[in-house]
Amino acid sequence: MDWVKVVYAFVLLACAVYILSVTFFARGDERKKFINRKAQSYTFGVVFGTLIFEIINVIVQTFRGNPASYGEGISPLMFLTIIIVIYMGTLLFYRNKYGD
């Protein structure tokens, strides 16, 4: 097995465990809920923008006469990784900014 895949899987798993432990299992006051909501709303905006960009790309390719075939576009694993990294980064940023 390739060591890059092992490291990639470990980073993905570590990010997911951190997010789950901080977001869902930690009880807290209003400030913690506010921080989680801010990070979630920013990540939702990034996901929404990325999907809109992908839809526009498919529409442009269709009008050019080069319809996107199956398998082109965003890889689901890569998309999940991007979402997890963005969410974890914004969560850490807002926890540092608002002092949690």
PDB file of N, CA and C in Angstrom:
ATOM      1  N   MET A   1       0.844  -1.181   0.000  1.00  0.00           N
ATOM      2  CA  MET A   1       0.000   0.000   0.000  1.00  0.00           C
ATOM      3  C   MET A   1       0.886   1.239   0.000  1.00  0.00           C
ATOM      4  N   ASP A   2       0.452   2.222  -0.702  1.00  0.00           N
ATOM      5  CA  ASP A   2       1.215   3.456  -0.842  1.00  0.00           C
ATOM      6  C   ASP A   2       1.167   4.263   0.452  1.00  0.00           C
ATOM      7  N   TRP A   3       2.302   4.782   0.880  1.00  0.00           N
ATOM      8  CA  TRP A   3       2.357   5.512   2.144  1.00  0.00           C
ATOM      9  C   TRP A   3       1.605   6.832   2.080  1.00  0.00           C
ATOM     10  N   VAL A   4       1.465   7.411   0.886  1.00  0.00           N
ATOM     11  CA  VAL A   4       0.711   8.658   0.739  1.00  0.00           C
ATOM     12  C   VAL A   4      -0.765   8.418   1.052  1.00  0.00           C
ATOM     13  N   LYS A   5      -1.288   7.295   0.611  1.00  0.00           N
ATOM     14  CA  LYS A   5      -2.684   6.971   0.908  1.00  0.00           C
ATOM     15  C   LYS A   5      -2.905   6.732   2.396  1.00  0.00           C
ATOM     16  N   VAL A   6      -1.937   6.127   3.037  1.00  0.00           N
ATOM     17  CA  VAL A   6      -2.041   5.879   4.478  1.00  0.00           C
ATOM     18  C   VAL A   6      -2.028   7.203   5.240  1.00  0.00           C
ATOM     19  N   VAL A   7      -1.132   8.093   4.872  1.00  0.00           N
ATOM     20  CA  VAL A   7      -1.062   9.402   5.533  1.00  0.00           C
ATOM     21  C   VAL A   7      -2.340  10.194   5.255  1.00  0.00           C
ATOM     22  N   TYR A   8      -2.816  10.152   4.023  1.00  0.00           N
ATOM     23  CA  TYR A   8      -4.054  10.846   3.642  1.00  0.00           C
ATOM     24  C   TYR A   8      -5.235  10.328   4.465  1.00  0.00           C
ATOM     25  N   ALA A   9      -5.337   9.018   4.583  1.00  0.00           N
ATOM     26  CA  ALA A   9      -6.427   8.431   5.358  1.00  0.00           C
ATOM     27  C   ALA A   9      -6.311   8.789   6.833  1.00  0.00           C
ATOM     28  N   PHE A  10      -5.098   8.815   7.361  1.00  0.00           N
ATOM     29  CA  PHE A  10      -4.897   9.180   8.757  1.00  0.00           C
ATOM     30  C   PHE A  10      -5.284  10.629   9.019  1.00  0.00           C
ATOM     31  N   VAL A  11      -4.889  11.529   8.135  1.00  0.00           N
ATOM     32  CA  VAL A  11      -5.239  12.945   8.296  1.00  0.00           C
ATOM     33  C   VAL A  11      -6.744  13.132   8.212  1.00  0.00           C
ATOM     34  N   LEU A  12      -7.375  12.464   7.260  1.00  0.00           N
ATOM     35  CA  LEU A  12      -8.823  12.553   7.114  1.00  0.00           C
ATOM     36  C   LEU A  12      -9.535  12.022   8.352  1.00  0.00           C
ATOM     37  N   LEU A  13      -9.079  10.909   8.872  1.00  0.00           N
ATOM     38  CA  LEU A  13      -9.677  10.334  10.070  1.00  0.00           C
ATOM     39  C   LEU A  13      -9.441  11.209  11.305  1.00  0.00           C
ATOM     40  N   ALA A  14      -8.245  11.760  11.429  1.00  0.00           N
ATOM     41  CA  ALA A  14      -7.942  12.625  12.570  1.00  0.00           C
ATOM     42  C   ALA A  14      -8.804  13.884  12.545  1.00  0.00           C
ATOM     43  N   CYS A  15      -8.965  14.475  11.374  1.00  0.00           N
ATOM     44  CA  CYS A  15      -9.827  15.660  11.253  1.00  0.00           C
ATOM     45  C   CYS A  15     -11.268  15.325  11.601  1.00  0.00           C
ATOM     46  N   ALA A  16     -11.749  14.200  11.116  1.00  0.00           N
ATOM     47  CA  ALA A  16     -13.133  13.813  11.385  1.00  0.00           C
ATOM     48  C   ALA A  16     -13.356  13.544  12.873  1.00  0.00           C
ATOM     49  N   VAL A  17     -12.422  12.866  13.517  1.00  0.00           N
ATOM     50  CA  VAL A  17     -12.558  12.587  14.947  1.00  0.00           C
ATOM     51  C   VAL A  17     -12.526  13.889  15.749  1.00  0.00           C
ATOM     52  N   TYR A  18     -11.631  14.803  15.388  1.00  0.00           N
ATOM     53  CA  TYR A  18     -11.568  16.089  16.090  1.00  0.00           C
ATOM     54  C   TYR A  18     -12.877  16.858  15.934  1.00  0.00           C
ATOM     55  N   ILE A  19     -13.383  16.926  14.726  1.00  0.00           N
ATOM     56  CA  ILE A  19     -14.625  17.658  14.477  1.00  0.00           C
ATOM     57  C   ILE A  19     -15.774  17.041  15.252  1.00  0.00           C
ATOM     58  N   LEU A  20     -15.890  15.733  15.224  1.00  0.00           N
ATOM     59  CA  LEU A  20     -16.970  15.070  15.950  1.00  0.00           C
ATOM     60  C   LEU A  20     -16.851  15.284  17.453  1.00  0.00           C
ATOM     61  N   SER A  21     -15.640  15.212  17.982  1.00  0.00           N
ATOM     62  CA  SER A  21     -15.480  15.377  19.425  1.00  0.00           C
ATOM     63  C   SER A  21     -15.766  16.804  19.869  1.00  0.00           C
ATOM     64  N   VAL A  22     -15.373  17.781  19.075  1.00  0.00           N
ATOM     65  CA  VAL A  22     -15.584  19.178  19.454  1.00  0.00           C
ATOM     66  C   VAL A  22     -17.015  19.610  19.204  1.00  0.00           C
ATOM     67  N   THR A  23     -17.567  19.207  18.087  1.00  0.00           N
ATOM     68  CA  THR A  23     -18.874  19.718  17.684  1.00  0.00           C
ATOM     69  C   THR A  23     -20.023  18.994  18.345  1.00  0.00           C
ATOM     70  N   PHE A  24     -20.005  17.696  18.334  1.00  0.00           N
ATOM     71  CA  PHE A  24     -21.195  16.955  18.730  1.00  0.00           C
ATOM     72  C   PHE A  24     -21.164  16.434  20.168  1.00  0.00           C
ATOM     73  N   PHE A  25     -19.995  16.119  20.691  1.00  0.00           N
ATOM     74  CA  PHE A  25     -19.942  15.485  21.995  1.00  0.00           C
ATOM     75  C   PHE A  25     -19.635  16.446  23.138  1.00  0.00           C
ATOM     76  N   ALA A  26     -19.151  17.613  22.815  1.00  0.00           N
ATOM     77  CA  ALA A  26     -18.817  18.579  23.858  1.00  0.00           C
ATOM     78  C   ALA A  26     -20.042  19.419  24.210  1.00  0.00           C
ATOM     79  N   ARG A  27     -20.361  19.408  25.467  1.00  0.00           N
ATOM     80  CA  ARG A  27     -21.463  20.260  25.933  1.00  0.00           C
ATOM     81  C   ARG A  27     -20.882  21.628  26.230  1.00  0.00           C
ATOM     82  N   GLY A  28     -21.687  22.649  25.999  1.00  0.00           N
ATOM     83  CA  GLY A  28     -21.136  23.959  26.263  1.00  0.00           C
ATOM     84  C   GLY A  28     -22.190  25.038  26.371  1.00  0.00           C
ATOM     85  N   ASP A  29     -21.702  26.225  26.540  1.00  0.00           N
ATOM     86  CA  ASP A  29     -22.581  27.360  26.681  1.00  0.00           C
ATOM     87  C   ASP A  29     -22.911  27.943  25.309  1.00  0.00           C
ATOM     88  N   GLU A  30     -23.472  29.129  25.321  1.00  0.00           N
ATOM     89  CA  GLU A  30     -23.893  29.764  24.085  1.00  0.00           C
ATOM     90  C   GLU A  30     -22.714  30.123  23.188  1.00  0.00           C
ATOM     91  N   ARG A  31     -21.586  30.417  23.805  1.00  0.00           N
ATOM     92  CA  ARG A  31     -20.412  30.792  23.010  1.00  0.00           C
ATOM     93  C   ARG A  31     -19.927  29.619  22.161  1.00  0.00           C
ATOM     94  N   LYS A  32     -19.897  28.426  22.725  1.00  0.00           N
ATOM     95  CA  LYS A  32     -19.481  27.254  21.955  1.00  0.00           C
ATOM     96  C   LYS A  32     -20.461  26.966  20.824  1.00  0.00           C
ATOM     97  N   LYS A  33     -21.728  27.127  21.102  1.00  0.00           N
ATOM     98  CA  LYS A  33     -22.729  26.927  20.053  1.00  0.00           C
ATOM     99  C   LYS A  33     -22.581  27.975  18.958  1.00  0.00           C
ATOM    100  N   PHE A  34     -22.289  29.211  19.348  1.00  0.00           N
ATOM    101  CA  PHE A  34     -22.083  30.279  18.389  1.00  0.00           C
ATOM    102  C   PHE A  34     -20.881  29.989  17.499  1.00  0.00           C
ATOM    103  N   ILE A  35     -19.799  29.523  18.098  1.00  0.00           N
ATOM    104  CA  ILE A  35     -18.591  29.199  17.337  1.00  0.00           C
ATOM    105  C   ILE A  35     -18.877  28.072  16.351  1.00  0.00           C
ATOM    106  N   ASN A  36     -19.581  27.044  16.793  1.00  0.00           N
ATOM    107  CA  ASN A  36     -19.918  25.932  15.901  1.00  0.00           C
ATOM    108  C   ASN A  36     -20.805  26.394  14.753  1.00  0.00           C
ATOM    109  N   ARG A  37     -21.774  27.231  15.051  1.00  0.00           N
ATOM    110  CA  ARG A  37     -22.663  27.722  13.996  1.00  0.00           C
ATOM    111  C   ARG A  37     -21.930  28.597  12.994  1.00  0.00           C
ATOM    112  N   LYS A  38     -21.001  29.432  13.466  1.00  0.00           N
ATOM    113  CA  LYS A  38     -20.227  30.271  12.548  1.00  0.00           C
ATOM    114  C   LYS A  38     -19.396  29.406  11.614  1.00  0.00           C
ATOM    115  N   ALA A  39     -18.736  28.395  12.159  1.00  0.00           N
ATOM    116  CA  ALA A  39     -17.912  27.514  11.334  1.00  0.00           C
ATOM    117  C   ALA A  39     -18.776  26.727  10.357  1.00  0.00           C
ATOM    118  N   GLN A  40     -19.939  26.271  10.803  1.00  0.00           N
ATOM    119  CA  GLN A  40     -20.830  25.522   9.920  1.00  0.00           C
ATOM    120  C   GLN A  40     -21.387  26.397   8.807  1.00  0.00           C
ATOM    121  N   SER A  41     -21.725  27.644   9.119  1.00  0.00           N
ATOM    122  CA  SER A  41     -22.285  28.515   8.092  1.00  0.00           C
ATOM    123  C   SER A  41     -21.233  28.881   7.053  1.00  0.00           C
ATOM    124  N   TYR A  42     -19.993  29.108   7.461  1.00  0.00           N
ATOM    125  CA  TYR A  42     -18.938  29.399   6.502  1.00  0.00           C
ATOM    126  C   TYR A  42     -18.684  28.189   5.603  1.00  0.00           C
ATOM    127  N   THR A  43     -18.628  27.018   6.194  1.00  0.00           N
ATOM    128  CA  THR A  43     -18.397  25.803   5.409  1.00  0.00           C
ATOM    129  C   THR A  43     -19.549  25.552   4.452  1.00  0.00           C
ATOM    130  N   PHE A  44     -20.777  25.799   4.899  1.00  0.00           N
ATOM    131  CA  PHE A  44     -21.926  25.638   4.012  1.00  0.00           C
ATOM    132  C   PHE A  44     -21.832  26.579   2.818  1.00  0.00           C
ATOM    133  N   GLY A  45     -21.388  27.803   3.043  1.00  0.00           N
ATOM    134  CA  GLY A  45     -21.212  28.746   1.940  1.00  0.00           C
ATOM    135  C   GLY A  45     -20.182  28.268   0.930  1.00  0.00           C
ATOM    136  N   VAL A  46     -19.091  27.716   1.422  1.00  0.00           N
ATOM    137  CA  VAL A  46     -18.050  27.194   0.529  1.00  0.00           C
ATOM    138  C   VAL A  46     -18.574  26.003  -0.267  1.00  0.00           C
ATOM    139  N   VAL A  47     -19.289  25.100   0.391  1.00  0.00           N
ATOM    140  CA  VAL A  47     -19.849  23.936  -0.290  1.00  0.00           C
ATOM    141  C   VAL A  47     -20.866  24.377  -1.352  1.00  0.00           C
ATOM    142  N   PHE A  48     -21.738  25.296  -0.976  1.00  0.00           N
ATOM    143  CA  PHE A  48     -22.753  25.792  -1.905  1.00  0.00           C
ATOM    144  C   PHE A  48     -22.097  26.462  -3.107  1.00  0.00           C
ATOM    145  N   GLY A  49     -21.100  27.300  -2.866  1.00  0.00           N
ATOM    146  CA  GLY A  49     -20.400  27.963  -3.963  1.00  0.00           C
ATOM    147  C   GLY A  49     -19.683  26.984  -4.876  1.00  0.00           C
ATOM    148  N   THR A  50     -19.055  25.975  -4.292  1.00  0.00           N
ATOM    149  CA  THR A  50     -18.362  24.970  -5.091  1.00  0.00           C
ATOM    150  C   THR A  50     -19.332  24.194  -5.972  1.00  0.00           C
ATOM    151  N   LEU A  51     -20.473  23.824  -5.415  1.00  0.00           N
ATOM    152  CA  LEU A  51     -21.460  23.081  -6.203  1.00  0.00           C
ATOM    153  C   LEU A  51     -22.071  23.954  -7.301  1.00  0.00           C
ATOM    154  N   ILE A  52     -22.320  25.229  -7.014  1.00  0.00           N
ATOM    155  CA  ILE A  52     -22.820  26.139  -8.040  1.00  0.00           C
ATOM    156  C   ILE A  52     -21.786  26.290  -9.152  1.00  0.00           C
ATOM    157  N   PHE A  53     -20.513  26.435  -8.785  1.00  0.00           N
ATOM    158  CA  PHE A  53     -19.452  26.521  -9.773  1.00  0.00           C
ATOM    159  C   PHE A  53     -19.404  25.270 -10.645  1.00  0.00           C
ATOM    160  N   GLU A  54     -19.575  24.113 -10.050  1.00  0.00           N
ATOM    161  CA  GLU A  54     -19.550  22.855 -10.806  1.00  0.00           C
ATOM    162  C   GLU A  54     -20.746  22.767 -11.763  1.00  0.00           C
ATOM    163  N   ILE A  55     -21.914  23.221 -11.314  1.00  0.00           N
ATOM    164  CA  ILE A  55     -23.094  23.213 -12.173  1.00  0.00           C
ATOM    165  C   ILE A  55     -22.898  24.155 -13.355  1.00  0.00           C
ATOM    166  N   ILE A  56     -22.340  25.343 -13.098  1.00  0.00           N
ATOM    167  CA  ILE A  56     -22.078  26.287 -14.181  1.00  0.00           C
ATOM    168  C   ILE A  56     -21.078  25.699 -15.167  1.00  0.00           C
ATOM    169  N   ASN A  57     -20.074  25.017 -14.663  1.00  0.00           N
ATOM    170  CA  ASN A  57     -19.092  24.384 -15.534  1.00  0.00           C
ATOM    171  C   ASN A  57     -19.743  23.335 -16.434  1.00  0.00           C
ATOM    172  N   VAL A  58     -20.646  22.538 -15.900  1.00  0.00           N
ATOM    173  CA  VAL A  58     -21.337  21.526 -16.705  1.00  0.00           C
ATOM    174  C   VAL A  58     -22.217  22.192 -17.762  1.00  0.00           C
ATOM    175  N   ILE A  59     -22.896  23.269 -17.392  1.00  0.00           N
ATOM    176  CA  ILE A  59     -23.752  23.973 -18.349  1.00  0.00           C
ATOM    177  C   ILE A  59     -22.918  24.580 -19.472  1.00  0.00           C
ATOM    178  N   VAL A  60     -21.798  25.198 -19.148  1.00  0.00           N
ATOM    179  CA  VAL A  60     -20.927  25.793 -20.170  1.00  0.00           C
ATOM    180  C   VAL A  60     -20.379  24.718 -21.089  1.00  0.00           C
ATOM    181  N   GLN A  61     -19.949  23.598 -20.520  1.00  0.00           N
ATOM    182  CA  GLN A  61     -19.432  22.505 -21.349  1.00  0.00           C
ATOM    183  C   GLN A  61     -20.514  21.941 -22.263  1.00  0.00           C
ATOM    184  N   THR A  62     -21.758  21.906 -21.802  1.00  0.00           N
ATOM    185  CA  THR A  62     -22.853  21.406 -22.624  1.00  0.00           C
ATOM    186  C   THR A  62     -23.131  22.349 -23.787  1.00  0.00           C
ATOM    187  N   PHE A  63     -23.114  23.656 -23.526  1.00  0.00           N
ATOM    188  CA  PHE A  63     -23.361  24.619 -24.605  1.00  0.00           C
ATOM    189  C   PHE A  63     -22.212  24.671 -25.599  1.00  0.00           C
ATOM    190  N   ARG A  64     -21.022  24.324 -25.187  1.00  0.00           N
ATOM    191  CA  ARG A  64     -19.884  24.269 -26.103  1.00  0.00           C
ATOM    192  C   ARG A  64     -19.918  23.028 -26.981  1.00  0.00           C
ATOM    193  N   GLY A  65     -20.801  22.111 -26.684  1.00  0.00           N
ATOM    194  CA  GLY A  65     -20.881  20.879 -27.446  1.00  0.00           C
ATOM    195  C   GLY A  65     -20.004  19.779 -26.902  1.00  0.00           C
ATOM    196  N   ASN A  66     -19.483  19.958 -25.723  1.00  0.00           N
ATOM    197  CA  ASN A  66     -18.630  18.970 -25.077  1.00  0.00           C
ATOM    198  C   ASN A  66     -19.241  18.599 -23.736  1.00  0.00           C
ATOM    199  N   PRO A  67     -20.333  17.816 -23.764  1.00  0.00           N
ATOM    200  CA  PRO A  67     -20.995  17.506 -22.489  1.00  0.00           C
ATOM    201  C   PRO A  67     -20.089  16.695 -21.581  1.00  0.00           C
ATOM    202  N   ALA A  68     -20.163  17.014 -20.324  1.00  0.00           N
ATOM    203  CA  ALA A  68     -19.344  16.307 -19.338  1.00  0.00           C
ATOM    204  C   ALA A  68     -19.818  14.867 -19.229  1.00  0.00           C
ATOM    205  N   SER A  69     -18.906  13.968 -19.378  1.00  0.00           N
ATOM    206  CA  SER A  69     -19.271  12.561 -19.284  1.00  0.00           C
ATOM    207  C   SER A  69     -19.235  12.121 -17.834  1.00  0.00           C
ATOM    208  N   TYR A  70     -19.738  10.932 -17.598  1.00  0.00           N
ATOM    209  CA  TYR A  70     -19.769  10.396 -16.234  1.00  0.00           C
ATOM    210  C   TYR A  70     -18.356  10.192 -15.738  1.00  0.00           C
ATOM    211  N   GLY A  71     -18.109  10.603 -14.520  1.00  0.00           N
ATOM    212  CA  GLY A  71     -16.794  10.424 -13.935  1.00  0.00           C
ATOM    213  C   GLY A  71     -15.958  11.692 -13.932  1.00  0.00           C
ATOM    214  N   GLU A  72     -16.349  12.686 -14.702  1.00  0.00           N
ATOM    215  CA  GLU A  72     -15.619  13.947 -14.673  1.00  0.00           C
ATOM    216  C   GLU A  72     -16.194  14.824 -13.578  1.00  0.00           C
ATOM    217  N   GLY A  73     -15.432  15.784 -13.155  1.00  0.00           N
ATOM    218  CA  GLY A  73     -15.914  16.691 -12.124  1.00  0.00           C
ATOM    219  C   GLY A  73     -15.227  16.435 -10.804  1.00  0.00           C
ATOM    220  N   ILE A  74     -15.914  16.758  -9.748  1.00  0.00           N
ATOM    221  CA  ILE A  74     -15.345  16.661  -8.408  1.00  0.00           C
ATOM    222  C   ILE A  74     -15.431  15.228  -7.903  1.00  0.00           C
ATOM    223  N   SER A  75     -14.310  14.744  -7.399  1.00  0.00           N
ATOM    224  CA  SER A  75     -14.287  13.431  -6.768  1.00  0.00           C
ATOM    225  C   SER A  75     -14.977  13.532  -5.413  1.00  0.00           C
ATOM    226  N   PRO A  76     -15.869  12.610  -5.084  1.00  0.00           N
ATOM    227  CA  PRO A  76     -16.557  12.685  -3.787  1.00  0.00           C
ATOM    228  C   PRO A  76     -15.602  12.628  -2.592  1.00  0.00           C
ATOM    229  N   LEU A  77     -14.562  11.822  -2.672  1.00  0.00           N
ATOM    230  CA  LEU A  77     -13.602  11.734  -1.571  1.00  0.00           C
ATOM    231  C   LEU A  77     -12.825  13.037  -1.425  1.00  0.00           C
ATOM    232  N   MET A  78     -12.431  13.614  -2.535  1.00  0.00           N
ATOM    233  CA  MET A  78     -11.712  14.880  -2.482  1.00  0.00           C
ATOM    234  C   MET A  78     -12.624  15.997  -1.982  1.00  0.00           C
ATOM    235  N   PHE A  79     -13.881  15.983  -2.405  1.00  0.00           N
ATOM    236  CA  PHE A  79     -14.838  16.984  -1.959  1.00  0.00           C
ATOM    237  C   PHE A  79     -15.067  16.872  -0.450  1.00  0.00           C
ATOM    238  N   LEU A  80     -15.202  15.654   0.053  1.00  0.00           N
ATOM    239  CA  LEU A  80     -15.349  15.433   1.489  1.00  0.00           C
ATOM    240  C   LEU A  80     -14.121  15.922   2.246  1.00  0.00           C
ATOM    241  N   THR A  81     -12.950  15.656   1.708  1.00  0.00           N
ATOM    242  CA  THR A  81     -11.718  16.102   2.348  1.00  0.00           C
ATOM    243  C   THR A  81     -11.646  17.621   2.404  1.00  0.00           C
ATOM    244  N   ILE A  82     -12.009  18.274   1.326  1.00  0.00           N
ATOM    245  CA  ILE A  82     -11.998  19.732   1.299  1.00  0.00           C
ATOM    246  C   ILE A  82     -12.972  20.289   2.330  1.00  0.00           C
ATOM    247  N   ILE A  83     -14.151  19.706   2.416  1.00  0.00           N
ATOM    248  CA  ILE A  83     -15.144  20.167   3.382  1.00  0.00           C
ATOM    249  C   ILE A  83     -14.630  19.991   4.808  1.00  0.00           C
ATOM    250  N   ILE A  84     -14.050  18.843   5.097  1.00  0.00           N
ATOM    251  CA  ILE A  84     -13.557  18.573   6.450  1.00  0.00           C
ATOM    252  C   ILE A  84     -12.425  19.520   6.813  1.00  0.00           C
ATOM    253  N   VAL A  85     -11.512  19.752   5.900  1.00  0.00           N
ATOM    254  CA  VAL A  85     -10.382  20.632   6.190  1.00  0.00           C
ATOM    255  C   VAL A  85     -10.853  22.074   6.377  1.00  0.00           C
ATOM    256  N   ILE A  86     -11.772  22.529   5.534  1.00  0.00           N
ATOM    257  CA  ILE A  86     -12.297  23.891   5.678  1.00  0.00           C
ATOM    258  C   ILE A  86     -13.046  24.032   6.992  1.00  0.00           C
ATOM    259  N   TYR A  87     -13.876  23.064   7.324  1.00  0.00           N
ATOM    260  CA  TYR A  87     -14.632  23.140   8.575  1.00  0.00           C
ATOM    261  C   TYR A  87     -13.703  23.126   9.781  1.00  0.00           C
ATOM    262  N   MET A  88     -12.715  22.253   9.762  1.00  0.00           N
ATOM    263  CA  MET A  88     -11.796  22.198  10.891  1.00  0.00           C
ATOM    264  C   MET A  88     -10.997  23.492  11.000  1.00  0.00           C
ATOM    265  N   GLY A  89     -10.565  24.035   9.879  1.00  0.00           N
ATOM    266  CA  GLY A  89      -9.821  25.289   9.905  1.00  0.00           C
ATOM    267  C   GLY A  89     -10.647  26.446  10.435  1.00  0.00           C
ATOM    268  N   THR A  90     -11.893  26.560   9.976  1.00  0.00           N
ATOM    269  CA  THR A  90     -12.740  27.649  10.472  1.00  0.00           C
ATOM    270  C   THR A  90     -13.127  27.429  11.931  1.00  0.00           C
ATOM    271  N   LEU A  91     -13.308  26.184  12.323  1.00  0.00           N
ATOM    272  CA  LEU A  91     -13.612  25.896  13.723  1.00  0.00           C
ATOM    273  C   LEU A  91     -12.447  26.302  14.626  1.00  0.00           C
ATOM    274  N   LEU A  92     -11.240  25.956  14.229  1.00  0.00           N
ATOM    275  CA  LEU A  92     -10.070  26.356  15.011  1.00  0.00           C
ATOM    276  C   LEU A  92      -9.892  27.874  15.010  1.00  0.00           C
ATOM    277  N   PHE A  93     -10.142  28.506  13.866  1.00  0.00           N
ATOM    278  CA  PHE A  93     -10.019  29.962  13.776  1.00  0.00           C
ATOM    279  C   PHE A  93     -11.012  30.654  14.713  1.00  0.00           C
ATOM    280  N   TYR A  94     -12.280  30.239  14.660  1.00  0.00           N
ATOM    281  CA  TYR A  94     -13.276  30.889  15.502  1.00  0.00           C
ATOM    282  C   TYR A  94     -13.100  30.539  16.982  1.00  0.00           C
ATOM    283  N   ARG A  95     -12.614  29.351  17.278  1.00  0.00           N
ATOM    284  CA  ARG A  95     -12.339  29.025  18.695  1.00  0.00           C
ATOM    285  C   ARG A  95     -11.217  29.889  19.226  1.00  0.00           C
ATOM    286  N   ASN A  96     -10.217  30.163  18.392  1.00  0.00           N
ATOM    287  CA  ASN A  96      -9.124  31.027  18.807  1.00  0.00           C
ATOM    288  C   ASN A  96      -9.583  32.482  18.891  1.00  0.00           C
ATOM    289  N   LYS A  97     -10.393  32.899  17.945  1.00  0.00           N
ATOM    290  CA  LYS A  97     -10.854  34.292  17.897  1.00  0.00           C
ATOM    291  C   LYS A  97     -11.790  34.632  19.053  1.00  0.00           C
ATOM    292  N   TYR A  98     -12.723  33.742  19.352  1.00  0.00           N
ATOM    293  CA  TYR A  98     -13.708  34.023  20.390  1.00  0.00           C
ATOM    294  C   TYR A  98     -13.355  33.412  21.745  1.00  0.00           C
ATOM    295  N   GLY A  99     -12.166  32.842  21.868  1.00  0.00           N
ATOM    296  CA  GLY A  99     -11.646  32.419  23.153  1.00  0.00           C
ATOM    297  C   GLY A  99     -12.331  31.232  23.787  1.00  0.00           C
ATOM    298  N   ASP A 100     -12.464  30.159  23.039  1.00  0.00           N
ATOM    299  CA  ASP A 100     -13.072  28.960  23.633  1.00  0.00           C
ATOM    300  C   ASP A 100     -11.989  27.997  24.046  1.00  0.00           C
TER     301      ASP A 100
END
